[in-house]
């Protein structure tokens, strides 16, 4: 009887061990399902660059879903709400202001390209022709007010005093020889303002629909010695995820560089 009970116990242990092995193997079986990465953006060339990255990410079994939104607020709102995993449309100062205003935790992943910021005028061929008391349209968000005023100060159109906060404002203008008036408008309305004011400061993305380019048409341009590179942005909680990092690598690939140089050489300067 003792021998039978011992044999029964041994069989029970063997069966239990076999059951554990089966369960472990099932849990560790790799999945062939692609990982989906949702990225919010706005307009070309950003969306074009994401399409290039999409092909590269597919090789790593990552499915890139490009979410094209209609204004320059939604991409950050969607990212903060975890409706998307990343966005690609903004420079870091704009992101930082969103964080401050919304108690958000968005973080930069990789600077991708400089959008060659410039001054455009329908009526005047150079900055010296801008008349006294002229109206200049600039974007109305604090980071781009800073950017616009800094560009004009860089070219001695105005002078700015010490920066008291995070950004320059019109209150920081100390010298304005031509008594220029600055009209602050929504970023997406800058192109429309082109017909109504003496000059407009805007990025190539908004100048392009008007048939304008920085090298050919801008009265003044910004260059690349600044903090305003268009940047891939994610959240603090997902910034280190492999899919996010691989997207950063894809957007700074030789294929993307070649695309910019061949198609946007006047307007988008690689930051990598």
C-alpha atoms as a PDB file:
ATOM      1  CA  UNK A   1       0.000   0.000   0.000  1.00  0.00           C
ATOM      2  CA  UNK A   2       2.823   2.413   0.875  1.00  0.00           C
ATOM      3  CA  UNK A   3       4.498   1.673  -2.477  1.00  0.00           C
ATOM      4  CA  UNK A   4       1.255   2.471  -4.362  1.00  0.00           C
ATOM      5  CA  UNK A   5       0.823   5.760  -2.492  1.00  0.00           C
ATOM      6  CA  UNK A   6       4.431   6.776  -3.184  1.00  0.00           C
ATOM      7  CA  UNK A   7       3.974   5.944  -6.887  1.00  0.00           C
ATOM      8  CA  UNK A   8       0.764   7.986  -6.999  1.00  0.00           C
ATOM      9  CA  UNK A   9       2.509  10.984  -5.385  1.00  0.00           C
ATOM     10  CA  UNK A  10       5.366  10.805  -7.868  1.00  0.00           C
ATOM     11  CA  UNK A  11       2.956  10.756 -10.814  1.00  0.00           C
ATOM     12  CA  UNK A  12       1.100  13.764  -9.391  1.00  0.00           C
ATOM     13  CA  UNK A  13       4.325  15.764  -9.151  1.00  0.00           C
ATOM     14  CA  UNK A  14       5.335  14.872 -12.720  1.00  0.00           C
ATOM     15  CA  UNK A  15       1.920  15.884 -14.089  1.00  0.00           C
ATOM     16  CA  UNK A  16       1.997  19.150 -12.152  1.00  0.00           C
ATOM     17  CA  UNK A  17       5.449  19.942 -13.486  1.00  0.00           C
ATOM     18  CA  UNK A  18       4.321  19.241 -17.047  1.00  0.00           C
ATOM     19  CA  UNK A  19       1.311  21.514 -16.546  1.00  0.00           C
ATOM     20  CA  UNK A  20       3.547  24.353 -15.306  1.00  0.00           C
ATOM     21  CA  UNK A  21       5.839  23.983 -18.329  1.00  0.00           C
ATOM     22  CA  UNK A  22       2.886  24.219 -20.715  1.00  0.00           C
ATOM     23  CA  UNK A  23       1.561  27.368 -19.045  1.00  0.00           C
ATOM     24  CA  UNK A  24       4.992  29.041 -19.075  1.00  0.00           C
ATOM     25  CA  UNK A  25       5.515  28.309 -22.751  1.00  0.00           C
ATOM     26  CA  UNK A  26       2.107  29.779 -23.624  1.00  0.00           C
ATOM     27  CA  UNK A  27       2.816  32.979 -21.695  1.00  0.00           C
ATOM     28  CA  UNK A  28       6.233  33.502 -23.271  1.00  0.00           C
ATOM     29  CA  UNK A  29       5.109  32.855 -26.850  1.00  0.00           C
ATOM     30  CA  UNK A  30       5.966  35.971 -28.851  1.00  0.00           C
ATOM     31  CA  UNK A  31       3.131  37.923 -30.463  1.00  0.00           C
ATOM     32  CA  UNK A  32       3.264  38.764 -34.171  1.00  0.00           C
ATOM     33  CA  UNK A  33       0.756  41.576 -33.778  1.00  0.00           C
ATOM     34  CA  UNK A  34       2.292  44.949 -34.745  1.00  0.00           C
ATOM     35  CA  UNK A  35       2.523  47.648 -32.110  1.00  0.00           C
ATOM     36  CA  UNK A  36       0.459  50.722 -33.009  1.00  0.00           C
ATOM     37  CA  UNK A  37       2.011  54.154 -32.466  1.00  0.00           C
ATOM     38  CA  UNK A  38      -0.315  57.146 -32.874  1.00  0.00           C
ATOM     39  CA  UNK A  39       1.313  60.476 -33.734  1.00  0.00           C
ATOM     40  CA  UNK A  40      -0.515  63.795 -34.159  1.00  0.00           C
ATOM     41  CA  UNK A  41       0.658  66.323 -36.739  1.00  0.00           C
ATOM     42  CA  UNK A  42      -0.663  69.144 -38.913  1.00  0.00           C
ATOM     43  CA  UNK A  43       0.737  69.847 -42.371  1.00  0.00           C
ATOM     44  CA  UNK A  44       3.606  69.059 -44.783  1.00  0.00           C
ATOM     45  CA  UNK A  45       6.516  68.636 -44.610  1.00  0.00           C
ATOM     46  CA  UNK A  46       5.860  67.141 -41.164  1.00  0.00           C
ATOM     47  CA  UNK A  47       3.237  64.702 -42.437  1.00  0.00           C
ATOM     48  CA  UNK A  48       5.458  63.778 -45.404  1.00  0.00           C
ATOM     49  CA  UNK A  49       8.329  62.993 -43.058  1.00  0.00           C
ATOM     50  CA  UNK A  50       6.080  60.819 -40.922  1.00  0.00           C
ATOM     51  CA  UNK A  51       5.077  58.865 -44.035  1.00  0.00           C
ATOM     52  CA  UNK A  52       8.754  58.104 -44.655  1.00  0.00           C
ATOM     53  CA  UNK A  53       9.188  57.068 -41.028  1.00  0.00           C
ATOM     54  CA  UNK A  54       6.089  54.873 -41.304  1.00  0.00           C
ATOM     55  CA  UNK A  55       7.781  52.646 -43.875  1.00  0.00           C
ATOM     56  CA  UNK A  56      10.887  52.290 -41.726  1.00  0.00           C
ATOM     57  CA  UNK A  57       8.933  51.504 -38.555  1.00  0.00           C
ATOM     58  CA  UNK A  58       6.978  48.777 -40.349  1.00  0.00           C
ATOM     59  CA  UNK A  59      10.248  46.847 -40.617  1.00  0.00           C
ATOM     60  CA  UNK A  60      10.327  46.801 -36.790  1.00  0.00           C
ATOM     61  CA  UNK A  61       6.699  45.623 -36.597  1.00  0.00           C
ATOM     62  CA  UNK A  62       5.516  49.073 -35.507  1.00  0.00           C
ATOM     63  CA  UNK A  63       2.421  50.437 -37.226  1.00  0.00           C
ATOM     64  CA  UNK A  64       2.550  54.235 -37.340  1.00  0.00           C
ATOM     65  CA  UNK A  65      -0.877  55.892 -37.343  1.00  0.00           C
ATOM     66  CA  UNK A  66      -0.657  59.526 -38.415  1.00  0.00           C
ATOM     67  CA  UNK A  67      -3.431  61.672 -36.913  1.00  0.00           C
ATOM     68  CA  UNK A  68      -3.782  64.936 -38.847  1.00  0.00           C
ATOM     69  CA  UNK A  69      -5.456  67.626 -36.742  1.00  0.00           C
ATOM     70  CA  UNK A  70      -6.844  71.018 -37.661  1.00  0.00           C
ATOM     71  CA  UNK A  71      -5.132  73.522 -35.377  1.00  0.00           C
ATOM     72  CA  UNK A  72      -1.996  74.076 -33.319  1.00  0.00           C
ATOM     73  CA  UNK A  73      -3.671  73.335 -29.957  1.00  0.00           C
ATOM     74  CA  UNK A  74      -5.216  69.909 -30.542  1.00  0.00           C
ATOM     75  CA  UNK A  75      -1.950  67.954 -30.954  1.00  0.00           C
ATOM     76  CA  UNK A  76      -0.759  68.888 -27.456  1.00  0.00           C
ATOM     77  CA  UNK A  77      -4.186  68.451 -25.897  1.00  0.00           C
ATOM     78  CA  UNK A  78      -4.502  64.986 -27.442  1.00  0.00           C
ATOM     79  CA  UNK A  79      -1.011  63.997 -26.314  1.00  0.00           C
ATOM     80  CA  UNK A  80      -1.549  65.177 -22.739  1.00  0.00           C
ATOM     81  CA  UNK A  81      -4.858  63.244 -22.643  1.00  0.00           C
ATOM     82  CA  UNK A  82      -3.088  60.090 -23.918  1.00  0.00           C
ATOM     83  CA  UNK A  83      -5.232  60.023 -27.051  1.00  0.00           C
ATOM     84  CA  UNK A  84      -2.014  59.872 -29.071  1.00  0.00           C
ATOM     85  CA  UNK A  85       1.483  58.690 -28.165  1.00  0.00           C
ATOM     86  CA  UNK A  86       3.490  61.594 -29.592  1.00  0.00           C
ATOM     87  CA  UNK A  87       3.188  64.658 -31.777  1.00  0.00           C
ATOM     88  CA  UNK A  88       5.319  66.355 -34.399  1.00  0.00           C
ATOM     89  CA  UNK A  89       4.489  69.986 -35.175  1.00  0.00           C
ATOM     90  CA  UNK A  90       6.089  72.361 -32.631  1.00  0.00           C
ATOM     91  CA  UNK A  91       9.267  73.825 -31.229  1.00  0.00           C
ATOM     92  CA  UNK A  92      10.295  73.338 -27.612  1.00  0.00           C
ATOM     93  CA  UNK A  93       9.413  76.847 -26.322  1.00  0.00           C
ATOM     94  CA  UNK A  94       5.845  76.345 -27.569  1.00  0.00           C
ATOM     95  CA  UNK A  95       5.712  72.961 -25.800  1.00  0.00           C
ATOM     96  CA  UNK A  96       7.061  74.461 -22.581  1.00  0.00           C
ATOM     97  CA  UNK A  97       4.398  77.146 -22.572  1.00  0.00           C
ATOM     98  CA  UNK A  98       1.705  74.476 -23.039  1.00  0.00           C
ATOM     99  CA  UNK A  99       3.132  72.590 -20.061  1.00  0.00           C
ATOM    100  CA  UNK A 100       3.071  75.710 -17.888  1.00  0.00           C
ATOM    101  CA  UNK A 101      -0.452  76.674 -18.879  1.00  0.00           C
ATOM    102  CA  UNK A 102      -1.950  73.190 -18.623  1.00  0.00           C
ATOM    103  CA  UNK A 103       0.079  71.508 -15.871  1.00  0.00           C
ATOM    104  CA  UNK A 104       1.197  68.976 -18.496  1.00  0.00           C
ATOM    105  CA  UNK A 105       4.339  66.858 -18.727  1.00  0.00           C
ATOM    106  CA  UNK A 106       5.216  66.837 -22.418  1.00  0.00           C
ATOM    107  CA  UNK A 107       8.905  66.314 -23.206  1.00  0.00           C
ATOM    108  CA  UNK A 108      11.094  66.721 -26.306  1.00  0.00           C
ATOM    109  CA  UNK A 109      12.426  63.540 -27.882  1.00  0.00           C
ATOM    110  CA  UNK A 110      14.436  64.717 -30.889  1.00  0.00           C
ATOM    111  CA  UNK A 111      14.873  68.014 -32.771  1.00  0.00           C
ATOM    112  CA  UNK A 112      14.134  67.306 -36.439  1.00  0.00           C
ATOM    113  CA  UNK A 113      14.349  70.450 -38.559  1.00  0.00           C
ATOM    114  CA  UNK A 114      14.435  74.237 -38.488  1.00  0.00           C
ATOM    115  CA  UNK A 115      11.505  75.922 -40.227  1.00  0.00           C
ATOM    116  CA  UNK A 116      13.211  78.988 -41.689  1.00  0.00           C
ATOM    117  CA  UNK A 117      11.234  81.801 -40.034  1.00  0.00           C
ATOM    118  CA  UNK A 118      10.976  85.008 -42.028  1.00  0.00           C
ATOM    119  CA  UNK A 119       9.425  88.426 -42.604  1.00  0.00           C
ATOM    120  CA  UNK A 120       7.192  88.731 -45.696  1.00  0.00           C
ATOM    121  CA  UNK A 121       5.547  91.755 -47.281  1.00  0.00           C
ATOM    122  CA  UNK A 122       3.149  92.045 -50.193  1.00  0.00           C
ATOM    123  CA  UNK A 123       3.920  95.718 -50.817  1.00  0.00           C
ATOM    124  CA  UNK A 124       7.592  96.157 -49.906  1.00  0.00           C
ATOM    125  CA  UNK A 125      10.775  94.584 -51.296  1.00  0.00           C
ATOM    126  CA  UNK A 126      13.075  95.106 -48.320  1.00  0.00           C
ATOM    127  CA  UNK A 127      12.868  96.029 -44.674  1.00  0.00           C
ATOM    128  CA  UNK A 128      14.102  99.573 -45.283  1.00  0.00           C
ATOM    129  CA  UNK A 129      10.987 100.230 -47.396  1.00  0.00           C
ATOM    130  CA  UNK A 130       8.643  99.443 -44.495  1.00  0.00           C
ATOM    131  CA  UNK A 131       7.132 102.877 -43.653  1.00  0.00           C
ATOM    132  CA  UNK A 132       6.982 104.530 -40.270  1.00  0.00           C
ATOM    133  CA  UNK A 133       3.954 103.418 -38.268  1.00  0.00           C
ATOM    134  CA  UNK A 134       3.570 100.238 -40.355  1.00  0.00           C
ATOM    135  CA  UNK A 135       1.613  97.271 -38.984  1.00  0.00           C
ATOM    136  CA  UNK A 136       3.462  93.972 -38.585  1.00  0.00           C
ATOM    137  CA  UNK A 137       1.474  90.777 -37.947  1.00  0.00           C
ATOM    138  CA  UNK A 138       2.981  88.218 -35.570  1.00  0.00           C
ATOM    139  CA  UNK A 139       1.618  85.016 -34.014  1.00  0.00           C
ATOM    140  CA  UNK A 140      -0.251  85.615 -30.757  1.00  0.00           C
ATOM    141  CA  UNK A 141       1.117  82.780 -28.589  1.00  0.00           C
ATOM    142  CA  UNK A 142       3.807  83.839 -26.145  1.00  0.00           C
ATOM    143  CA  UNK A 143       6.596  81.661 -27.550  1.00  0.00           C
ATOM    144  CA  UNK A 144       6.131  82.975 -31.090  1.00  0.00           C
ATOM    145  CA  UNK A 145       5.777  86.570 -29.909  1.00  0.00           C
ATOM    146  CA  UNK A 146       9.215  86.047 -28.346  1.00  0.00           C
ATOM    147  CA  UNK A 147      10.495  84.471 -31.555  1.00  0.00           C
ATOM    148  CA  UNK A 148       9.174  87.271 -33.764  1.00  0.00           C
ATOM    149  CA  UNK A 149      10.535  90.073 -31.626  1.00  0.00           C
ATOM    150  CA  UNK A 150      13.892  88.289 -31.297  1.00  0.00           C
ATOM    151  CA  UNK A 151      14.170  88.003 -35.090  1.00  0.00           C
ATOM    152  CA  UNK A 152      13.491  91.698 -35.557  1.00  0.00           C
ATOM    153  CA  UNK A 153      15.969  92.589 -32.813  1.00  0.00           C
ATOM    154  CA  UNK A 154      18.571  90.297 -34.396  1.00  0.00           C
ATOM    155  CA  UNK A 155      18.350  92.492 -37.520  1.00  0.00           C
ATOM    156  CA  UNK A 156      18.264  95.798 -35.573  1.00  0.00           C
ATOM    157  CA  UNK A 157      14.701  96.654 -36.581  1.00  0.00           C
ATOM    158  CA  UNK A 158      13.887  97.055 -32.874  1.00  0.00           C
ATOM    159  CA  UNK A 159      15.821  96.783 -29.621  1.00  0.00           C
ATOM    160  CA  UNK A 160      14.817  94.628 -26.661  1.00  0.00           C
ATOM    161  CA  UNK A 161      15.707  95.087 -23.021  1.00  0.00           C
ATOM    162  CA  UNK A 162      16.427  92.421 -20.447  1.00  0.00           C
ATOM    163  CA  UNK A 163      14.047  89.467 -20.602  1.00  0.00           C
ATOM    164  CA  UNK A 164      12.083  89.593 -17.349  1.00  0.00           C
ATOM    165  CA  UNK A 165      10.256  86.278 -17.712  1.00  0.00           C
ATOM    166  CA  UNK A 166      10.475  83.241 -19.940  1.00  0.00           C
ATOM    167  CA  UNK A 167       9.586  85.178 -23.086  1.00  0.00           C
ATOM    168  CA  UNK A 168       9.957  88.589 -24.636  1.00  0.00           C
ATOM    169  CA  UNK A 169       6.746  90.574 -24.970  1.00  0.00           C
ATOM    170  CA  UNK A 170       5.983  93.902 -26.623  1.00  0.00           C
ATOM    171  CA  UNK A 171       6.544  95.510 -23.216  1.00  0.00           C
ATOM    172  CA  UNK A 172      10.244  94.599 -23.561  1.00  0.00           C
ATOM    173  CA  UNK A 173      10.748  96.738 -26.683  1.00  0.00           C
ATOM    174  CA  UNK A 174      13.093  99.567 -25.691  1.00  0.00           C
ATOM    175  CA  UNK A 175      13.746 101.073 -29.125  1.00  0.00           C
ATOM    176  CA  UNK A 176      11.320 101.141 -32.065  1.00  0.00           C
ATOM    177  CA  UNK A 177      12.728 103.728 -34.513  1.00  0.00           C
ATOM    178  CA  UNK A 178       9.918 103.360 -37.058  1.00  0.00           C
ATOM    179  CA  UNK A 179       7.176 103.192 -34.434  1.00  0.00           C
ATOM    180  CA  UNK A 180       6.050  99.861 -35.831  1.00  0.00           C
ATOM    181  CA  UNK A 181       2.734  98.461 -34.601  1.00  0.00           C
ATOM    182  CA  UNK A 182       2.549  94.743 -33.863  1.00  0.00           C
ATOM    183  CA  UNK A 183      -0.743  92.978 -34.467  1.00  0.00           C
ATOM    184  CA  UNK A 184      -0.928  89.633 -32.677  1.00  0.00           C
ATOM    185  CA  UNK A 185      -3.059  87.090 -34.564  1.00  0.00           C
ATOM    186  CA  UNK A 186      -3.703  83.370 -34.366  1.00  0.00           C
ATOM    187  CA  UNK A 187      -0.889  81.326 -35.883  1.00  0.00           C
ATOM    188  CA  UNK A 188      -3.200  79.832 -38.507  1.00  0.00           C
ATOM    189  CA  UNK A 189      -4.381  83.299 -39.562  1.00  0.00           C
ATOM    190  CA  UNK A 190      -0.961  84.702 -40.447  1.00  0.00           C
ATOM    191  CA  UNK A 191      -1.239  83.859 -44.139  1.00  0.00           C
ATOM    192  CA  UNK A 192      -4.581  85.658 -44.339  1.00  0.00           C
ATOM    193  CA  UNK A 193      -3.075  88.719 -42.661  1.00  0.00           C
ATOM    194  CA  UNK A 194      -0.515  88.962 -45.499  1.00  0.00           C
ATOM    195  CA  UNK A 195      -2.996  90.953 -47.635  1.00  0.00           C
ATOM    196  CA  UNK A 196      -4.010  93.329 -44.874  1.00  0.00           C
ATOM    197  CA  UNK A 197      -0.813  94.472 -43.133  1.00  0.00           C
ATOM    198  CA  UNK A 198       2.574  95.826 -44.138  1.00  0.00           C
ATOM    199  CA  UNK A 199       4.488  92.670 -43.197  1.00  0.00           C
ATOM    200  CA  UNK A 200       3.998  89.263 -41.566  1.00  0.00           C
ATOM    201  CA  UNK A 201       6.391  87.042 -39.636  1.00  0.00           C
ATOM    202  CA  UNK A 202       5.728  83.337 -40.266  1.00  0.00           C
ATOM    203  CA  UNK A 203       7.212  79.917 -40.890  1.00  0.00           C
ATOM    204  CA  UNK A 204       7.579  78.403 -44.378  1.00  0.00           C
ATOM    205  CA  UNK A 205       4.603  76.117 -43.786  1.00  0.00           C
ATOM    206  CA  UNK A 206       2.293  79.124 -43.731  1.00  0.00           C
ATOM    207  CA  UNK A 207       4.183  81.112 -46.370  1.00  0.00           C
ATOM    208  CA  UNK A 208       4.244  78.265 -48.908  1.00  0.00           C
ATOM    209  CA  UNK A 209       0.505  78.367 -49.783  1.00  0.00           C
ATOM    210  CA  UNK A 210       1.056  82.010 -50.759  1.00  0.00           C
ATOM    211  CA  UNK A 211       3.861  80.970 -53.116  1.00  0.00           C
ATOM    212  CA  UNK A 212       6.510  82.457 -50.828  1.00  0.00           C
ATOM    213  CA  UNK A 213       9.865  80.963 -49.798  1.00  0.00           C
ATOM    214  CA  UNK A 214      12.460  82.263 -47.330  1.00  0.00           C
ATOM    215  CA  UNK A 215      15.369  82.514 -49.771  1.00  0.00           C
ATOM    216  CA  UNK A 216      13.401  84.132 -52.592  1.00  0.00           C
ATOM    217  CA  UNK A 217      10.822  86.281 -50.834  1.00  0.00           C
ATOM    218  CA  UNK A 218      11.620  86.923 -47.173  1.00  0.00           C
ATOM    219  CA  UNK A 219      12.834  90.377 -46.244  1.00  0.00           C
ATOM    220  CA  UNK A 220      14.624  88.881 -43.214  1.00  0.00           C
ATOM    221  CA  UNK A 221      15.197  85.303 -42.038  1.00  0.00           C
ATOM    222  CA  UNK A 222      16.064  83.675 -38.764  1.00  0.00           C
ATOM    223  CA  UNK A 223      18.718  81.011 -39.445  1.00  0.00           C
ATOM    224  CA  UNK A 224      19.463  78.042 -37.174  1.00  0.00           C
ATOM    225  CA  UNK A 225      21.133  79.535 -34.099  1.00  0.00           C
ATOM    226  CA  UNK A 226      18.029  79.285 -31.935  1.00  0.00           C
ATOM    227  CA  UNK A 227      15.829  76.965 -29.856  1.00  0.00           C
ATOM    228  CA  UNK A 228      13.004  76.721 -32.382  1.00  0.00           C
ATOM    229  CA  UNK A 229      13.641  73.443 -34.211  1.00  0.00           C
ATOM    230  CA  UNK A 230      10.471  71.491 -35.000  1.00  0.00           C
ATOM    231  CA  UNK A 231      10.709  68.616 -32.541  1.00  0.00           C
ATOM    232  CA  UNK A 232       9.253  65.169 -31.932  1.00  0.00           C
ATOM    233  CA  UNK A 233       7.427  65.378 -28.581  1.00  0.00           C
ATOM    234  CA  UNK A 234       6.082  62.690 -26.232  1.00  0.00           C
ATOM    235  CA  UNK A 235       5.142  62.497 -22.542  1.00  0.00           C
ATOM    236  CA  UNK A 236       7.287  61.926 -19.484  1.00  0.00           C
ATOM    237  CA  UNK A 237       5.598  58.547 -18.940  1.00  0.00           C
ATOM    238  CA  UNK A 238       6.309  57.136 -22.419  1.00  0.00           C
ATOM    239  CA  UNK A 239       9.439  58.986 -23.580  1.00  0.00           C
ATOM    240  CA  UNK A 240      11.691  55.933 -23.150  1.00  0.00           C
ATOM    241  CA  UNK A 241       9.449  53.419 -24.919  1.00  0.00           C
ATOM    242  CA  UNK A 242      11.182  51.610 -27.765  1.00  0.00           C
ATOM    243  CA  UNK A 243       8.590  52.631 -30.379  1.00  0.00           C
ATOM    244  CA  UNK A 244       9.004  56.325 -29.504  1.00  0.00           C
ATOM    245  CA  UNK A 245      12.777  56.090 -29.680  1.00  0.00           C
ATOM    246  CA  UNK A 246      12.619  54.257 -33.011  1.00  0.00           C
ATOM    247  CA  UNK A 247      10.377  56.980 -34.402  1.00  0.00           C
ATOM    248  CA  UNK A 248      12.993  59.539 -33.364  1.00  0.00           C
ATOM    249  CA  UNK A 249      15.633  57.503 -35.189  1.00  0.00           C
ATOM    250  CA  UNK A 250      13.449  57.199 -38.299  1.00  0.00           C
ATOM    251  CA  UNK A 251      12.783  60.955 -38.425  1.00  0.00           C
ATOM    252  CA  UNK A 252      16.530  61.644 -38.279  1.00  0.00           C
ATOM    253  CA  UNK A 253      17.449  59.049 -40.889  1.00  0.00           C
ATOM    254  CA  UNK A 254      19.388  59.576 -44.123  1.00  0.00           C
ATOM    255  CA  UNK A 255      16.130  59.069 -46.036  1.00  0.00           C
ATOM    256  CA  UNK A 256      14.465  61.993 -44.256  1.00  0.00           C
ATOM    257  CA  UNK A 257      17.530  64.208 -44.708  1.00  0.00           C
ATOM    258  CA  UNK A 258      17.586  63.455 -48.437  1.00  0.00           C
ATOM    259  CA  UNK A 259      13.854  64.174 -48.677  1.00  0.00           C
ATOM    260  CA  UNK A 260      14.267  67.590 -47.033  1.00  0.00           C
ATOM    261  CA  UNK A 261      17.276  68.514 -49.136  1.00  0.00           C
ATOM    262  CA  UNK A 262      15.526  67.502 -52.376  1.00  0.00           C
ATOM    263  CA  UNK A 263      12.107  68.999 -51.667  1.00  0.00           C
ATOM    264  CA  UNK A 264      12.422  71.657 -48.952  1.00  0.00           C
ATOM    265  CA  UNK A 265      15.955  72.970 -49.244  1.00  0.00           C
ATOM    266  CA  UNK A 266      14.801  76.599 -48.786  1.00  0.00           C
ATOM    267  CA  UNK A 267      12.368  76.020 -45.997  1.00  0.00           C
ATOM    268  CA  UNK A 268      13.340  73.070 -43.791  1.00  0.00           C
ATOM    269  CA  UNK A 269      16.912  72.803 -42.526  1.00  0.00           C
ATOM    270  CA  UNK A 270      17.779  69.460 -40.859  1.00  0.00           C
ATOM    271  CA  UNK A 271      18.596  69.796 -37.155  1.00  0.00           C
ATOM    272  CA  UNK A 272      20.442  66.452 -37.053  1.00  0.00           C
END
